[in-house]
Amino acid sequence: METTYFLQGERMDLTAGSLQIPVAMLNVFNGTIVLVLIPVLDRFVYPCFQRFKRPLSNMHRI
């Protein structure tokens, strides 16, 4: 997976205004987003589904 991000990043325009984002930062962003979203989903999104009588099985959570 890391190689795929790196290869895609080499071909992307990674400029944000005057800032040039290094290709290796794509892996850092991916890991950070996963670490942030897991607790958010577990504490807010999944309980919301349960309140509206739409509980998600473990397979749906994956």
N, C-alpha and C. Protein backbone atom coordinates (compact mmCIF):
# COMPACT_ATOMS: atom_id res chain seq x y z
N MET A 1 0.82 -1.18 0.00
CA MET A 1 0.00 0.00 0.00
C MET A 1 0.87 1.25 0.00
N GLU A 2 1.93 1.25 0.75
CA GLU A 2 2.79 2.43 0.80
C GLU A 2 3.40 2.72 -0.55
N THR A 3 3.76 1.69 -1.29
CA THR A 3 4.36 1.89 -2.60
C THR A 3 3.35 2.53 -3.55
N THR A 4 2.09 2.11 -3.46
CA THR A 4 1.05 2.67 -4.31
C THR A 4 0.88 4.16 -4.04
N TYR A 5 0.83 4.55 -2.78
CA TYR A 5 0.71 5.97 -2.44
C TYR A 5 1.91 6.75 -2.96
N PHE A 6 3.08 6.18 -2.82
CA PHE A 6 4.28 6.87 -3.27
C PHE A 6 4.27 7.04 -4.78
N LEU A 7 3.92 5.99 -5.51
CA LEU A 7 3.89 6.08 -6.97
C LEU A 7 2.82 7.07 -7.45
N GLN A 8 1.66 7.06 -6.82
CA GLN A 8 0.62 8.02 -7.19
C GLN A 8 1.05 9.44 -6.85
N GLY A 9 1.69 9.59 -5.70
CA GLY A 9 2.13 10.91 -5.27
C GLY A 9 3.18 11.51 -6.17
N GLU A 10 4.00 10.67 -6.78
CA GLU A 10 5.01 11.18 -7.71
C GLU A 10 4.37 11.83 -8.93
N ARG A 11 3.19 11.39 -9.29
CA ARG A 11 2.53 11.90 -10.49
C ARG A 11 1.50 13.00 -10.18
N MET A 12 1.27 13.26 -8.90
CA MET A 12 0.28 14.27 -8.50
C MET A 12 0.92 15.64 -8.36
N ASP A 13 0.07 16.66 -8.50
CA ASP A 13 0.49 18.03 -8.21
C ASP A 13 0.24 18.27 -6.73
N LEU A 14 1.28 18.25 -5.94
CA LEU A 14 1.15 18.35 -4.49
C LEU A 14 1.46 19.75 -3.97
N THR A 15 1.01 20.75 -4.70
CA THR A 15 1.21 22.12 -4.24
C THR A 15 -0.08 22.64 -3.64
N ALA A 16 0.06 23.34 -2.53
CA ALA A 16 -1.07 23.99 -1.87
C ALA A 16 -0.70 25.46 -1.72
N GLY A 17 -1.13 26.25 -2.67
CA GLY A 17 -0.71 27.65 -2.69
C GLY A 17 0.76 27.72 -3.07
N SER A 18 1.57 28.26 -2.18
CA SER A 18 3.01 28.33 -2.44
C SER A 18 3.76 27.20 -1.74
N LEU A 19 3.05 26.33 -1.06
CA LEU A 19 3.65 25.24 -0.30
C LEU A 19 3.72 23.97 -1.13
N GLN A 20 4.88 23.36 -1.20
CA GLN A 20 5.07 22.09 -1.90
C GLN A 20 5.07 20.97 -0.86
N ILE A 21 4.11 20.06 -0.96
CA ILE A 21 4.00 18.95 -0.01
C ILE A 21 4.86 17.79 -0.51
N PRO A 22 5.73 17.24 0.34
CA PRO A 22 6.55 16.11 -0.08
C PRO A 22 5.69 14.86 -0.30
N VAL A 23 6.12 14.04 -1.22
CA VAL A 23 5.38 12.82 -1.56
C VAL A 23 5.25 11.89 -0.36
N ALA A 24 6.27 11.80 0.46
CA ALA A 24 6.24 10.90 1.61
C ALA A 24 5.18 11.29 2.63
N MET A 25 4.71 12.52 2.59
CA MET A 25 3.69 12.96 3.54
C MET A 25 2.34 12.29 3.30
N LEU A 26 2.12 11.74 2.11
CA LEU A 26 0.86 11.04 1.85
C LEU A 26 0.68 9.87 2.80
N ASN A 27 1.75 9.13 3.09
CA ASN A 27 1.66 8.03 4.04
C ASN A 27 1.37 8.54 5.44
N VAL A 28 1.95 9.66 5.81
CA VAL A 28 1.71 10.24 7.13
C VAL A 28 0.25 10.68 7.23
N PHE A 29 -0.27 11.33 6.20
CA PHE A 29 -1.67 11.76 6.22
C PHE A 29 -2.60 10.56 6.34
N ASN A 30 -2.32 9.50 5.62
CA ASN A 30 -3.16 8.31 5.65
C ASN A 30 -3.20 7.73 7.06
N GLY A 31 -2.07 7.54 7.67
CA GLY A 31 -2.03 6.98 9.02
C GLY A 31 -2.70 7.87 10.04
N THR A 32 -2.52 9.17 9.90
CA THR A 32 -3.13 10.13 10.83
C THR A 32 -4.65 10.12 10.71
N ILE A 33 -5.14 10.10 9.50
CA ILE A 33 -6.59 10.08 9.29
C ILE A 33 -7.21 8.82 9.88
N VAL A 34 -6.57 7.68 9.70
CA VAL A 34 -7.07 6.43 10.27
C VAL A 34 -7.11 6.52 11.79
N LEU A 35 -6.04 7.02 12.39
CA LEU A 35 -5.99 7.13 13.85
C LEU A 35 -7.03 8.10 14.39
N VAL A 36 -7.38 9.11 13.64
CA VAL A 36 -8.38 10.08 14.09
C VAL A 36 -9.80 9.55 13.87
N LEU A 37 -10.05 8.93 12.73
CA LEU A 37 -11.41 8.52 12.39
C LEU A 37 -11.91 7.31 13.18
N ILE A 38 -11.05 6.40 13.58
CA ILE A 38 -11.51 5.22 14.31
C ILE A 38 -12.22 5.61 15.60
N PRO A 39 -11.64 6.45 16.47
CA PRO A 39 -12.39 6.84 17.68
C PRO A 39 -13.64 7.67 17.37
N VAL A 40 -13.59 8.51 16.35
CA VAL A 40 -14.76 9.31 16.00
C VAL A 40 -15.91 8.41 15.57
N LEU A 41 -15.63 7.45 14.72
CA LEU A 41 -16.67 6.52 14.30
C LEU A 41 -17.20 5.72 15.47
N ASP A 42 -16.30 5.24 16.31
CA ASP A 42 -16.69 4.38 17.43
C ASP A 42 -17.51 5.13 18.48
N ARG A 43 -17.23 6.40 18.71
CA ARG A 43 -17.92 7.14 19.77
C ARG A 43 -19.13 7.93 19.30
N PHE A 44 -19.17 8.31 18.03
CA PHE A 44 -20.24 9.18 17.58
C PHE A 44 -21.10 8.57 16.47
N VAL A 45 -20.49 8.06 15.43
CA VAL A 45 -21.25 7.61 14.26
C VAL A 45 -21.98 6.30 14.54
N TYR A 46 -21.30 5.29 15.04
CA TYR A 46 -21.94 3.99 15.29
C TYR A 46 -23.04 4.08 16.34
N PRO A 47 -22.86 4.80 17.45
CA PRO A 47 -23.98 4.95 18.39
C PRO A 47 -25.18 5.68 17.78
N CYS A 48 -24.92 6.60 16.87
CA CYS A 48 -26.02 7.29 16.20
C CYS A 48 -26.85 6.31 15.38
N PHE A 49 -26.20 5.40 14.71
CA PHE A 49 -26.91 4.37 13.96
C PHE A 49 -27.76 3.51 14.90
N GLN A 50 -27.25 3.18 16.06
CA GLN A 50 -27.99 2.36 17.02
C GLN A 50 -29.21 3.10 17.56
N ARG A 51 -29.10 4.40 17.78
CA ARG A 51 -30.24 5.18 18.27
C ARG A 51 -31.39 5.20 17.28
N PHE A 52 -31.06 5.16 16.00
CA PHE A 52 -32.09 5.18 14.97
C PHE A 52 -32.48 3.78 14.52
N LYS A 53 -32.23 2.80 15.39
CA LYS A 53 -32.62 1.40 15.15
C LYS A 53 -31.99 0.82 13.89
N ARG A 54 -30.78 1.25 13.58
CA ARG A 54 -30.04 0.71 12.43
C ARG A 54 -28.66 0.24 12.90
N PRO A 55 -28.61 -0.71 13.84
CA PRO A 55 -27.29 -1.13 14.33
C PRO A 55 -26.47 -1.78 13.21
N LEU A 56 -25.20 -1.53 13.24
CA LEU A 56 -24.30 -2.09 12.24
C LEU A 56 -23.60 -3.32 12.82
N SER A 57 -23.52 -4.35 12.02
CA SER A 57 -22.78 -5.54 12.45
C SER A 57 -21.28 -5.24 12.35
N ASN A 58 -20.49 -6.12 12.91
CA ASN A 58 -19.04 -5.94 12.82
C ASN A 58 -18.57 -5.94 11.38
N MET A 59 -19.21 -6.74 10.54
CA MET A 59 -18.83 -6.79 9.13
C MET A 59 -19.11 -5.45 8.44
N HIS A 60 -20.22 -4.80 8.78
CA HIS A 60 -20.52 -3.49 8.20
C HIS A 60 -19.55 -2.43 8.67
N ARG A 61 -19.08 -2.56 9.90
CA ARG A 61 -18.14 -1.58 10.43
C ARG A 61 -16.80 -1.64 9.71
N ILE A 62 -16.44 -2.79 9.23
CA ILE A 62 -15.17 -2.93 8.52
C ILE A 62 -15.29 -2.24 7.18
